[in-house]
Amino acid sequence: MLYKLWQMRIYLIPQVRGAKMNDLIDLTASRIHTMVQQQGSITLSNLEYAIDASYNLIFLAVERLVATGKLNVKKDVWDYTVSIFQEPE
C-alpha cells in the first residue's frame, strides 16, 4: 500500500533536550493565550492552522487555559470558539 506523503500533515515540535510534555503544553498554552488576546476570539480549527502543533497538544493547552480560568470555550454550529474568559457581572 502506498501512502501519499504530500497529504500527511507533519507537525514540528521543538527538539529541546530534556523537554517534558508539560513544558510543551505550557509553551503552546502561552502561544494560544497571546493569540486570543490579540484577536479577541478564534475558532479551534483556525487555531489549529495558526499554531504549528498537533491537534492533541492544542486541545491539552486549551483545556489547561480553561481550567485556570484564562479562556472560555463555546460550542458554535460547526466549531468551537475560544475567547478570553470574562466573569459574569
C-alpha atoms as a PDB file:
ATOM      1  CA  MET A   1       0.000   0.000   0.000  1.00  0.00           C
ATOM      2  CA  LEU A   2       1.391   3.377  -0.978  1.00  0.00           C
ATOM      3  CA  TYR A   3       0.931   6.383   1.207  1.00  0.00           C
ATOM      4  CA  LYS A   4       0.671   9.822  -0.322  1.00  0.00           C
ATOM      5  CA  LEU A   5       3.146  11.780   1.753  1.00  0.00           C
ATOM      6  CA  TRP A   6       2.001  15.116   0.438  1.00  0.00           C
ATOM      7  CA  GLN A   7      -1.402  14.565   2.054  1.00  0.00           C
ATOM      8  CA  MET A   8       0.011  13.883   5.507  1.00  0.00           C
ATOM      9  CA  ARG A   9       0.306  16.765   7.930  1.00  0.00           C
ATOM     10  CA  ILE A  10       3.625  16.812   9.725  1.00  0.00           C
ATOM     11  CA  TYR A  11       3.955  18.835  12.915  1.00  0.00           C
ATOM     12  CA  LEU A  12       7.250  20.146  14.139  1.00  0.00           C
ATOM     13  CA  ILE A  13       7.853  20.021  17.858  1.00  0.00           C
ATOM     14  CA  PRO A  14      10.899  21.899  19.116  1.00  0.00           C
ATOM     15  CA  GLN A  15      13.692  19.473  19.914  1.00  0.00           C
ATOM     16  CA  VAL A  16      14.686  20.764  23.318  1.00  0.00           C
ATOM     17  CA  ARG A  17      16.923  18.487  25.303  1.00  0.00           C
ATOM     18  CA  GLY A  18      15.067  17.288  28.358  1.00  0.00           C
ATOM     19  CA  ALA A  19      11.758  18.865  27.327  1.00  0.00           C
ATOM     20  CA  LYS A  20       8.806  17.290  29.040  1.00  0.00           C
ATOM     21  CA  MET A  21       5.204  17.137  27.896  1.00  0.00           C
ATOM     22  CA  ASN A  22       4.162  19.739  30.477  1.00  0.00           C
ATOM     23  CA  ASP A  23       6.754  22.143  29.053  1.00  0.00           C
ATOM     24  CA  LEU A  24       5.305  21.702  25.549  1.00  0.00           C
ATOM     25  CA  ILE A  25       1.779  22.191  26.838  1.00  0.00           C
ATOM     26  CA  ASP A  26       2.832  25.353  28.718  1.00  0.00           C
ATOM     27  CA  LEU A  27       4.610  26.723  25.638  1.00  0.00           C
ATOM     28  CA  THR A  28       1.596  26.013  23.430  1.00  0.00           C
ATOM     29  CA  ALA A  29      -0.780  27.459  26.045  1.00  0.00           C
ATOM     30  CA  SER A  30       1.260  30.648  26.158  1.00  0.00           C
ATOM     31  CA  ARG A  31       1.158  30.978  22.368  1.00  0.00           C
ATOM     32  CA  ILE A  32      -2.602  30.341  22.309  1.00  0.00           C
ATOM     33  CA  HIS A  33      -3.283  32.833  25.102  1.00  0.00           C
ATOM     34  CA  THR A  34      -1.266  35.526  23.331  1.00  0.00           C
ATOM     35  CA  MET A  35      -3.067  34.882  20.046  1.00  0.00           C
ATOM     36  CA  VAL A  36      -6.518  35.003  21.651  1.00  0.00           C
ATOM     37  CA  GLN A  37      -5.620  38.219  23.490  1.00  0.00           C
ATOM     38  CA  GLN A  38      -4.605  39.822  20.193  1.00  0.00           C
ATOM     39  CA  GLN A  39      -7.634  38.639  18.206  1.00  0.00           C
ATOM     40  CA  GLY A  40     -10.314  38.585  20.897  1.00  0.00           C
ATOM     41  CA  SER A  41     -11.596  35.162  19.865  1.00  0.00           C
ATOM     42  CA  ILE A  42     -10.684  32.425  17.401  1.00  0.00           C
ATOM     43  CA  THR A  43     -12.202  29.133  16.337  1.00  0.00           C
ATOM     44  CA  LEU A  44     -10.467  25.933  17.331  1.00  0.00           C
ATOM     45  CA  SER A  45      -9.980  24.923  13.693  1.00  0.00           C
ATOM     46  CA  ASN A  46      -8.363  28.289  12.835  1.00  0.00           C
ATOM     47  CA  LEU A  47      -6.191  27.938  15.917  1.00  0.00           C
ATOM     48  CA  GLU A  48      -5.006  24.572  14.669  1.00  0.00           C
ATOM     49  CA  TYR A  49      -3.814  26.133  11.408  1.00  0.00           C
ATOM     50  CA  ALA A  50      -2.310  29.208  13.071  1.00  0.00           C
ATOM     51  CA  ILE A  51      -0.166  27.307  15.573  1.00  0.00           C
ATOM     52  CA  ASP A  52       2.335  24.724  14.402  1.00  0.00           C
ATOM     53  CA  ALA A  53       1.368  21.981  16.841  1.00  0.00           C
ATOM     54  CA  SER A  54      -0.717  18.835  16.814  1.00  0.00           C
ATOM     55  CA  TYR A  55      -4.441  18.995  17.493  1.00  0.00           C
ATOM     56  CA  ASN A  56      -3.901  16.954  20.658  1.00  0.00           C
ATOM     57  CA  LEU A  57      -1.329  19.404  22.009  1.00  0.00           C
ATOM     58  CA  ILE A  58      -3.582  22.369  21.187  1.00  0.00           C
ATOM     59  CA  PHE A  59      -6.521  20.648  22.881  1.00  0.00           C
ATOM     60  CA  LEU A  60      -4.473  19.964  26.042  1.00  0.00           C
ATOM     61  CA  ALA A  61      -3.229  23.558  26.112  1.00  0.00           C
ATOM     62  CA  VAL A  62      -6.752  24.976  25.681  1.00  0.00           C
ATOM     63  CA  GLU A  63      -8.023  22.610  28.364  1.00  0.00           C
ATOM     64  CA  ARG A  64      -5.343  23.887  30.758  1.00  0.00           C
ATOM     65  CA  LEU A  65      -6.181  27.523  29.984  1.00  0.00           C
ATOM     66  CA  VAL A  66      -9.892  26.888  30.574  1.00  0.00           C
ATOM     67  CA  ALA A  67      -9.165  25.067  33.846  1.00  0.00           C
ATOM     68  CA  THR A  68      -7.088  28.012  35.110  1.00  0.00           C
ATOM     69  CA  GLY A  69      -9.824  30.494  34.149  1.00  0.00           C
ATOM     70  CA  LYS A  70      -7.930  32.276  31.387  1.00  0.00           C
ATOM     71  CA  LEU A  71     -10.026  31.170  28.393  1.00  0.00           C
ATOM     72  CA  ASN A  72     -13.613  30.308  27.644  1.00  0.00           C
ATOM     73  CA  VAL A  73     -14.716  27.739  25.043  1.00  0.00           C
ATOM     74  CA  LYS A  74     -18.148  27.950  23.443  1.00  0.00           C
ATOM     75  CA  LYS A  75     -19.734  25.474  21.012  1.00  0.00           C
ATOM     76  CA  ASP A  76     -20.889  27.033  17.753  1.00  0.00           C
ATOM     77  CA  VAL A  77     -22.822  25.329  14.985  1.00  0.00           C
ATOM     78  CA  TRP A  78     -19.791  23.767  13.279  1.00  0.00           C
ATOM     79  CA  ASP A  79     -16.839  24.549  15.528  1.00  0.00           C
ATOM     80  CA  TYR A  80     -15.724  25.713  18.963  1.00  0.00           C
ATOM     81  CA  THR A  81     -14.832  29.347  19.658  1.00  0.00           C
ATOM     82  CA  VAL A  82     -12.031  30.137  22.096  1.00  0.00           C
ATOM     83  CA  SER A  83     -12.137  33.549  23.781  1.00  0.00           C
ATOM     84  CA  ILE A  84     -10.801  35.375  26.822  1.00  0.00           C
ATOM     85  CA  PHE A  85     -12.673  34.431  29.996  1.00  0.00           C
ATOM     86  CA  GLN A  86     -14.844  37.227  31.355  1.00  0.00           C
ATOM     87  CA  GLU A  87     -16.556  36.830  34.684  1.00  0.00           C
ATOM     88  CA  PRO A  88     -20.327  37.347  34.659  1.00  0.00           C
ATOM     89  CA  GLU A  89     -21.452  40.644  36.086  1.00  0.00           C
END
